[in-house]
C-alpha cells in the first residue's frame, strides 16, 4: 500500500507520514510507502531556475483555464491557502521547492528522504528535455 501526497514542505510531509504510519500501525498491517508530487526545475544557477519559475507562473488573466480559479477555490476545502502561481502547476508541485542547482535539489530531496518519503512523482516541462537534464545533473 502507498500514500501519495500533493507537494508540500518537508516538515508538513514529515507530519503526514508520521500520522499515516501511526494509523497504519494500529491496523497491524505492514508499513506503507510514501510518495509526493513535485515540479522540478534544475539549472546551472539558482537565478536561472527562479527565472523559469517566473516564466511559468506569470499568468495571463484571460488565458483559458484560469478564469475559474476563484470559483474553484470557493468550492474546494484546502488545508492551507493556495496561490494562483501554485494553480498554474498541478498538485501543488512548487511547494517542495525542487528548484535551483543540482546540489540544492539534492539537499532538498535528502530532507524529504529523512522525513520518510520513498517516491517523487516529478513534473517538468517540456517533460522529455527536462527529465534528461534532471537525470544528468541530479541523479547522475
N, C-alpha and C. Protein backbone atom coordinates (compact mmCIF):
# COMPACT_ATOMS: atom_id res chain seq x y z
N UNK A 1 0.84 -1.18 0.00
CA UNK A 1 0.00 0.00 0.00
C UNK A 1 0.88 1.24 0.00
N UNK A 2 0.34 2.32 -0.55
CA UNK A 2 1.09 3.56 -0.63
C UNK A 2 0.16 4.74 -0.37
N UNK A 3 0.76 5.83 0.08
CA UNK A 3 0.06 7.09 0.31
C UNK A 3 0.82 8.16 -0.46
N UNK A 4 0.16 8.75 -1.45
CA UNK A 4 0.79 9.76 -2.29
C UNK A 4 0.14 11.11 -1.99
N UNK A 5 0.99 12.12 -1.78
CA UNK A 5 0.53 13.43 -1.33
C UNK A 5 0.79 14.50 -2.38
N UNK A 6 0.04 15.60 -2.26
CA UNK A 6 0.36 16.80 -3.02
C UNK A 6 1.69 17.32 -2.51
N UNK A 7 2.35 18.14 -3.30
CA UNK A 7 3.62 18.72 -2.90
C UNK A 7 3.46 19.63 -1.69
N UNK A 8 4.46 19.61 -0.82
CA UNK A 8 4.48 20.49 0.35
C UNK A 8 5.89 20.54 0.89
N UNK A 9 6.08 21.27 1.98
CA UNK A 9 7.40 21.37 2.59
C UNK A 9 7.75 20.05 3.28
N UNK A 10 9.04 19.84 3.52
CA UNK A 10 9.49 18.61 4.17
C UNK A 10 8.87 18.45 5.56
N UNK A 11 8.71 19.54 6.30
CA UNK A 11 8.11 19.47 7.63
C UNK A 11 6.66 18.99 7.58
N UNK A 12 5.90 19.54 6.64
CA UNK A 12 4.49 19.14 6.51
C UNK A 12 4.40 17.68 6.07
N UNK A 13 5.24 17.29 5.13
CA UNK A 13 5.24 15.90 4.66
C UNK A 13 5.62 14.95 5.79
N UNK A 14 6.60 15.34 6.61
CA UNK A 14 7.01 14.51 7.75
C UNK A 14 5.85 14.29 8.72
N UNK A 15 5.08 15.35 8.97
CA UNK A 15 3.91 15.23 9.86
C UNK A 15 2.88 14.27 9.28
N UNK A 16 2.62 14.37 8.00
CA UNK A 16 1.63 13.50 7.36
C UNK A 16 2.10 12.05 7.39
N UNK A 17 3.39 11.84 7.13
CA UNK A 17 3.92 10.48 7.16
C UNK A 17 3.83 9.90 8.56
N UNK A 18 4.19 10.67 9.57
CA UNK A 18 4.10 10.19 10.96
C UNK A 18 2.67 9.82 11.30
N UNK A 19 1.73 10.65 10.90
CA UNK A 19 0.31 10.39 11.16
C UNK A 19 -0.13 9.10 10.47
N UNK A 20 0.22 8.95 9.20
CA UNK A 20 -0.20 7.75 8.46
C UNK A 20 0.49 6.49 8.98
N UNK A 21 1.74 6.61 9.41
CA UNK A 21 2.44 5.45 9.98
C UNK A 21 1.74 5.00 11.27
N UNK A 22 1.37 5.96 12.11
CA UNK A 22 0.68 5.63 13.36
C UNK A 22 -0.67 4.96 13.06
N UNK A 23 -1.40 5.50 12.11
CA UNK A 23 -2.70 4.90 11.75
C UNK A 23 -2.50 3.48 11.22
N UNK A 24 -1.50 3.32 10.37
CA UNK A 24 -1.24 2.02 9.76
C UNK A 24 -0.83 1.01 10.82
N UNK A 25 0.01 1.44 11.75
CA UNK A 25 0.47 0.54 12.82
C UNK A 25 -0.71 0.00 13.62
N UNK A 26 -1.71 0.82 13.86
CA UNK A 26 -2.90 0.39 14.61
C UNK A 26 -3.65 -0.72 13.90
N UNK A 27 -3.52 -0.79 12.59
CA UNK A 27 -4.23 -1.84 11.83
C UNK A 27 -3.50 -3.17 11.86
N UNK A 28 -2.21 -3.15 12.24
CA UNK A 28 -1.43 -4.37 12.25
C UNK A 28 -0.93 -4.78 10.88
N UNK A 29 -1.13 -3.92 9.90
CA UNK A 29 -0.68 -4.23 8.54
C UNK A 29 0.77 -3.79 8.37
N UNK A 30 1.45 -4.31 7.33
CA UNK A 30 2.85 -3.93 7.11
C UNK A 30 2.98 -2.45 6.76
N UNK A 31 4.19 -1.90 6.89
CA UNK A 31 4.41 -0.48 6.59
C UNK A 31 4.02 -0.11 5.16
N UNK A 32 3.70 1.16 4.98
CA UNK A 32 3.32 1.69 3.68
C UNK A 32 4.51 2.40 3.03
N UNK A 33 4.37 2.67 1.74
CA UNK A 33 5.30 3.55 1.04
C UNK A 33 4.67 4.93 0.95
N UNK A 34 5.51 5.97 0.85
CA UNK A 34 5.00 7.33 0.81
C UNK A 34 5.60 8.07 -0.38
N UNK A 35 4.72 8.74 -1.12
CA UNK A 35 5.15 9.48 -2.30
C UNK A 35 4.60 10.89 -2.29
N UNK A 36 5.17 11.73 -3.16
CA UNK A 36 4.74 13.12 -3.26
C UNK A 36 4.93 13.60 -4.69
N UNK A 37 3.97 14.38 -5.16
CA UNK A 37 4.09 15.03 -6.46
C UNK A 37 4.90 16.31 -6.30
N UNK A 38 5.74 16.60 -7.27
CA UNK A 38 6.56 17.81 -7.22
C UNK A 38 6.94 18.25 -8.63
N UNK A 39 7.12 19.54 -8.77
CA UNK A 39 7.59 20.13 -10.02
C UNK A 39 9.05 20.46 -9.82
N UNK A 40 9.91 20.04 -10.74
CA UNK A 40 11.35 20.27 -10.59
C UNK A 40 11.90 21.13 -11.73
N UNK A 41 12.78 22.05 -11.35
CA UNK A 41 13.49 22.88 -12.33
C UNK A 41 14.95 22.92 -11.90
N UNK A 42 15.82 22.31 -12.67
CA UNK A 42 17.24 22.32 -12.36
C UNK A 42 17.95 23.16 -13.43
N UNK A 43 18.78 24.06 -12.96
CA UNK A 43 19.55 24.94 -13.83
C UNK A 43 20.96 25.09 -13.25
N UNK A 44 21.84 25.68 -14.03
CA UNK A 44 23.22 25.86 -13.58
C UNK A 44 23.32 26.85 -12.43
N UNK A 45 22.39 27.82 -12.39
CA UNK A 45 22.38 28.78 -11.28
C UNK A 45 20.97 28.88 -10.72
N UNK A 46 20.88 29.29 -9.46
CA UNK A 46 19.56 29.48 -8.86
C UNK A 46 18.80 30.60 -9.57
N UNK A 47 19.51 31.61 -10.01
CA UNK A 47 18.86 32.73 -10.71
C UNK A 47 18.17 32.25 -11.98
N UNK A 48 18.84 31.35 -12.72
CA UNK A 48 18.23 30.81 -13.94
C UNK A 48 16.98 29.98 -13.60
N UNK A 49 17.06 29.21 -12.54
CA UNK A 49 15.92 28.39 -12.13
C UNK A 49 14.74 29.26 -11.70
N UNK A 50 15.02 30.31 -10.92
CA UNK A 50 13.94 31.20 -10.46
C UNK A 50 13.33 31.98 -11.63
N UNK A 51 14.14 32.29 -12.63
CA UNK A 51 13.61 32.95 -13.82
C UNK A 51 12.63 32.03 -14.55
N UNK A 52 12.92 30.74 -14.56
CA UNK A 52 12.00 29.78 -15.19
C UNK A 52 10.70 29.69 -14.39
N UNK A 53 10.79 29.71 -13.07
CA UNK A 53 9.57 29.72 -12.25
C UNK A 53 8.73 30.95 -12.58
N UNK A 54 9.38 32.10 -12.68
CA UNK A 54 8.65 33.33 -13.02
C UNK A 54 7.99 33.20 -14.38
N UNK A 55 8.68 32.60 -15.32
CA UNK A 55 8.12 32.43 -16.66
C UNK A 55 6.87 31.55 -16.65
N UNK A 56 6.93 30.44 -15.94
CA UNK A 56 5.79 29.51 -15.99
C UNK A 56 4.64 29.93 -15.08
N UNK A 57 4.88 30.84 -14.16
CA UNK A 57 3.81 31.25 -13.25
C UNK A 57 3.27 32.64 -13.54
N UNK A 58 3.81 33.30 -14.54
CA UNK A 58 3.28 34.60 -14.95
C UNK A 58 2.08 34.32 -15.84
N UNK A 59 0.91 34.59 -15.31
CA UNK A 59 -0.32 34.18 -15.97
C UNK A 59 -1.04 35.34 -16.62
N UNK A 60 -1.58 35.06 -17.78
CA UNK A 60 -2.47 35.99 -18.44
C UNK A 60 -3.85 35.75 -17.82
N UNK A 61 -4.44 36.74 -17.15
CA UNK A 61 -5.73 36.52 -16.50
C UNK A 61 -6.83 36.14 -17.48
N UNK A 62 -6.60 36.35 -18.77
CA UNK A 62 -7.60 35.98 -19.77
C UNK A 62 -7.32 34.63 -20.41
N UNK A 63 -6.26 33.96 -19.98
CA UNK A 63 -5.91 32.67 -20.56
C UNK A 63 -6.95 31.62 -20.21
N UNK A 64 -7.26 30.74 -21.15
CA UNK A 64 -8.21 29.66 -20.86
C UNK A 64 -7.70 28.82 -19.69
N UNK A 65 -8.60 28.38 -18.84
CA UNK A 65 -8.23 27.51 -17.73
C UNK A 65 -8.02 28.23 -16.42
N UNK A 66 -7.81 29.54 -16.44
CA UNK A 66 -7.59 30.28 -15.21
C UNK A 66 -8.77 31.15 -14.84
N UNK A 67 -9.73 31.24 -15.74
CA UNK A 67 -10.91 32.06 -15.49
C UNK A 67 -11.76 31.55 -14.34
N UNK A 68 -11.66 30.26 -14.06
CA UNK A 68 -12.49 29.70 -12.98
C UNK A 68 -11.73 29.51 -11.68
N UNK A 69 -10.54 30.12 -11.54
CA UNK A 69 -9.72 29.95 -10.33
C UNK A 69 -10.49 30.31 -9.07
N UNK A 70 -11.11 31.50 -9.03
CA UNK A 70 -11.84 31.93 -7.84
C UNK A 70 -13.02 31.00 -7.55
N UNK A 71 -13.69 30.57 -8.59
CA UNK A 71 -14.82 29.63 -8.42
C UNK A 71 -14.31 28.30 -7.86
N UNK A 72 -13.20 27.83 -8.41
CA UNK A 72 -12.62 26.57 -7.94
C UNK A 72 -12.25 26.67 -6.46
N UNK A 73 -11.59 27.78 -6.06
CA UNK A 73 -11.20 27.97 -4.66
C UNK A 73 -12.41 27.97 -3.73
N UNK A 74 -13.48 28.64 -4.15
CA UNK A 74 -14.66 28.75 -3.29
C UNK A 74 -15.34 27.40 -3.08
N UNK A 75 -15.16 26.47 -4.01
CA UNK A 75 -15.79 25.16 -3.88
C UNK A 75 -14.86 24.08 -3.40
N UNK A 76 -13.69 24.45 -2.93
CA UNK A 76 -12.68 23.48 -2.53
C UNK A 76 -12.33 23.65 -1.06
N UNK A 77 -12.14 22.53 -0.37
CA UNK A 77 -11.71 22.59 1.02
C UNK A 77 -10.22 22.25 1.06
N UNK A 78 -9.41 23.27 1.21
CA UNK A 78 -7.96 23.09 1.23
C UNK A 78 -7.43 23.17 2.65
N UNK A 79 -6.31 22.49 2.88
CA UNK A 79 -5.69 22.54 4.21
C UNK A 79 -5.06 23.90 4.47
N UNK A 80 -4.59 24.55 3.40
CA UNK A 80 -3.89 25.82 3.50
C UNK A 80 -4.25 26.69 2.31
N UNK A 81 -3.93 27.96 2.44
CA UNK A 81 -4.17 28.90 1.35
C UNK A 81 -3.34 28.50 0.14
N UNK A 82 -3.94 28.67 -1.03
CA UNK A 82 -3.24 28.36 -2.26
C UNK A 82 -3.10 29.62 -3.10
N UNK A 83 -1.94 29.80 -3.69
CA UNK A 83 -1.68 30.96 -4.52
C UNK A 83 -1.95 30.62 -5.97
N UNK A 84 -2.29 31.62 -6.76
CA UNK A 84 -2.57 31.36 -8.17
C UNK A 84 -1.35 30.79 -8.88
N UNK A 85 -0.15 31.14 -8.45
CA UNK A 85 1.05 30.58 -9.07
C UNK A 85 1.08 29.06 -8.88
N UNK A 86 0.63 28.58 -7.71
CA UNK A 86 0.57 27.14 -7.48
C UNK A 86 -0.48 26.47 -8.35
N UNK A 87 -1.52 27.20 -8.66
CA UNK A 87 -2.60 26.69 -9.51
C UNK A 87 -2.08 26.45 -10.93
N UNK A 88 -1.06 27.20 -11.32
CA UNK A 88 -0.51 27.05 -12.67
C UNK A 88 0.30 25.77 -12.82
N UNK A 89 0.69 25.15 -11.71
CA UNK A 89 1.44 23.89 -11.71
C UNK A 89 0.65 22.90 -10.86
N UNK A 90 0.30 21.76 -11.44
CA UNK A 90 -0.60 20.83 -10.76
C UNK A 90 -0.02 20.24 -9.48
N UNK A 91 -0.93 19.75 -8.66
CA UNK A 91 -0.60 19.03 -7.42
C UNK A 91 0.28 19.80 -6.45
N UNK A 92 0.13 21.13 -6.46
CA UNK A 92 0.93 21.99 -5.57
C UNK A 92 2.42 21.69 -5.70
N UNK A 93 2.82 21.42 -6.93
CA UNK A 93 4.17 20.98 -7.22
C UNK A 93 5.29 21.94 -6.91
N UNK A 94 5.00 23.23 -6.77
CA UNK A 94 6.06 24.19 -6.46
C UNK A 94 6.40 24.24 -4.97
N UNK A 95 5.49 23.79 -4.12
CA UNK A 95 5.74 23.88 -2.67
C UNK A 95 6.99 23.13 -2.20
N UNK A 96 7.34 21.99 -2.80
CA UNK A 96 8.56 21.31 -2.34
C UNK A 96 9.85 22.05 -2.68
N UNK A 97 9.78 23.05 -3.55
CA UNK A 97 10.92 23.89 -3.91
C UNK A 97 12.09 23.07 -4.46
N UNK A 98 11.77 22.15 -5.37
CA UNK A 98 12.82 21.41 -6.06
C UNK A 98 13.26 22.24 -7.26
N UNK A 99 13.74 23.42 -6.94
CA UNK A 99 14.08 24.44 -7.93
C UNK A 99 15.45 25.00 -7.56
N UNK A 100 16.36 24.99 -8.52
CA UNK A 100 17.68 25.55 -8.25
C UNK A 100 18.75 24.76 -8.95
N UNK A 101 19.93 24.75 -8.35
CA UNK A 101 21.06 23.99 -8.90
C UNK A 101 20.90 22.52 -8.51
N UNK A 102 21.66 21.68 -9.17
CA UNK A 102 21.60 20.25 -8.86
C UNK A 102 21.90 19.99 -7.38
N UNK A 103 22.89 20.66 -6.84
CA UNK A 103 23.25 20.46 -5.43
C UNK A 103 22.12 20.91 -4.49
N UNK A 104 21.49 22.03 -4.81
CA UNK A 104 20.37 22.49 -3.97
C UNK A 104 19.23 21.46 -4.00
N UNK A 105 18.94 20.95 -5.17
CA UNK A 105 17.84 19.98 -5.30
C UNK A 105 18.20 18.69 -4.57
N UNK A 106 19.43 18.23 -4.68
CA UNK A 106 19.85 17.02 -3.97
C UNK A 106 19.67 17.19 -2.46
N UNK A 107 20.02 18.37 -1.93
CA UNK A 107 19.85 18.62 -0.50
C UNK A 107 18.38 18.60 -0.10
N UNK A 108 17.53 19.19 -0.92
CA UNK A 108 16.09 19.21 -0.62
C UNK A 108 15.50 17.81 -0.69
N UNK A 109 15.92 17.03 -1.67
CA UNK A 109 15.44 15.65 -1.76
C UNK A 109 15.89 14.86 -0.53
N UNK A 110 17.10 15.08 -0.07
CA UNK A 110 17.60 14.39 1.13
C UNK A 110 16.73 14.72 2.34
N UNK A 111 16.25 15.95 2.44
CA UNK A 111 15.36 16.32 3.54
C UNK A 111 14.05 15.55 3.46
N UNK A 112 13.54 15.33 2.27
CA UNK A 112 12.31 14.54 2.11
C UNK A 112 12.55 13.07 2.43
N UNK A 113 13.71 12.56 2.04
CA UNK A 113 14.05 11.18 2.40
C UNK A 113 14.12 11.03 3.91
N UNK A 114 14.72 11.99 4.59
CA UNK A 114 14.81 11.97 6.05
C UNK A 114 13.42 12.05 6.68
N UNK A 115 12.49 12.69 6.00
CA UNK A 115 11.11 12.80 6.50
C UNK A 115 10.34 11.49 6.30
N UNK A 116 10.91 10.57 5.51
CA UNK A 116 10.25 9.28 5.28
C UNK A 116 9.67 9.10 3.89
N UNK A 117 9.93 10.02 3.00
CA UNK A 117 9.40 9.93 1.64
C UNK A 117 10.19 8.90 0.84
N UNK A 118 9.46 8.03 0.12
CA UNK A 118 10.07 6.97 -0.68
C UNK A 118 10.07 7.26 -2.17
N UNK A 119 9.15 8.14 -2.62
CA UNK A 119 8.92 8.29 -4.05
C UNK A 119 8.59 9.74 -4.39
N UNK A 120 9.19 10.23 -5.47
CA UNK A 120 8.83 11.54 -6.01
C UNK A 120 8.20 11.33 -7.38
N UNK A 121 7.04 11.92 -7.59
CA UNK A 121 6.39 11.92 -8.89
C UNK A 121 6.68 13.30 -9.49
N UNK A 122 7.66 13.36 -10.36
CA UNK A 122 8.14 14.64 -10.85
C UNK A 122 7.43 15.09 -12.11
N UNK A 123 7.09 16.36 -12.12
CA UNK A 123 6.52 17.02 -13.28
C UNK A 123 7.55 18.05 -13.75
N UNK A 124 7.70 18.16 -15.05
CA UNK A 124 8.60 19.14 -15.65
C UNK A 124 8.06 19.49 -17.03
N UNK A 125 8.52 20.60 -17.56
CA UNK A 125 8.07 20.96 -18.90
C UNK A 125 9.14 21.75 -19.62
N UNK A 126 9.45 21.35 -20.85
CA UNK A 126 8.98 20.17 -21.56
C UNK A 126 9.53 18.90 -20.91
N UNK A 127 8.66 17.93 -20.73
CA UNK A 127 8.96 16.75 -19.92
C UNK A 127 10.24 16.02 -20.34
N UNK A 128 10.35 15.65 -21.59
CA UNK A 128 11.49 14.85 -22.02
C UNK A 128 12.81 15.58 -21.79
N UNK A 129 12.90 16.80 -22.27
CA UNK A 129 14.15 17.55 -22.17
C UNK A 129 14.53 17.83 -20.71
N UNK A 130 13.53 18.18 -19.91
CA UNK A 130 13.82 18.48 -18.50
C UNK A 130 14.16 17.22 -17.71
N UNK A 131 13.55 16.09 -18.04
CA UNK A 131 13.90 14.83 -17.36
C UNK A 131 15.33 14.43 -17.71
N UNK A 132 15.72 14.65 -18.96
CA UNK A 132 17.11 14.37 -19.36
C UNK A 132 18.08 15.23 -18.54
N UNK A 133 17.76 16.49 -18.41
CA UNK A 133 18.61 17.42 -17.64
C UNK A 133 18.66 16.98 -16.17
N UNK A 134 17.50 16.63 -15.59
CA UNK A 134 17.43 16.20 -14.19
C UNK A 134 18.27 14.93 -13.99
N UNK A 135 18.13 13.98 -14.90
CA UNK A 135 18.88 12.73 -14.79
C UNK A 135 20.38 12.98 -14.86
N UNK A 136 20.79 13.83 -15.76
CA UNK A 136 22.21 14.11 -15.94
C UNK A 136 22.82 14.88 -14.76
N UNK A 137 22.07 15.87 -14.27
CA UNK A 137 22.65 16.76 -13.26
C UNK A 137 22.35 16.35 -11.82
N UNK A 138 21.16 15.79 -11.58
CA UNK A 138 20.77 15.50 -10.19
C UNK A 138 20.97 14.02 -9.86
N UNK A 139 20.54 13.14 -10.73
CA UNK A 139 20.62 11.70 -10.43
C UNK A 139 22.03 11.17 -10.68
N UNK A 140 22.66 11.63 -11.74
CA UNK A 140 23.95 11.12 -12.15
C UNK A 140 24.98 11.26 -11.11
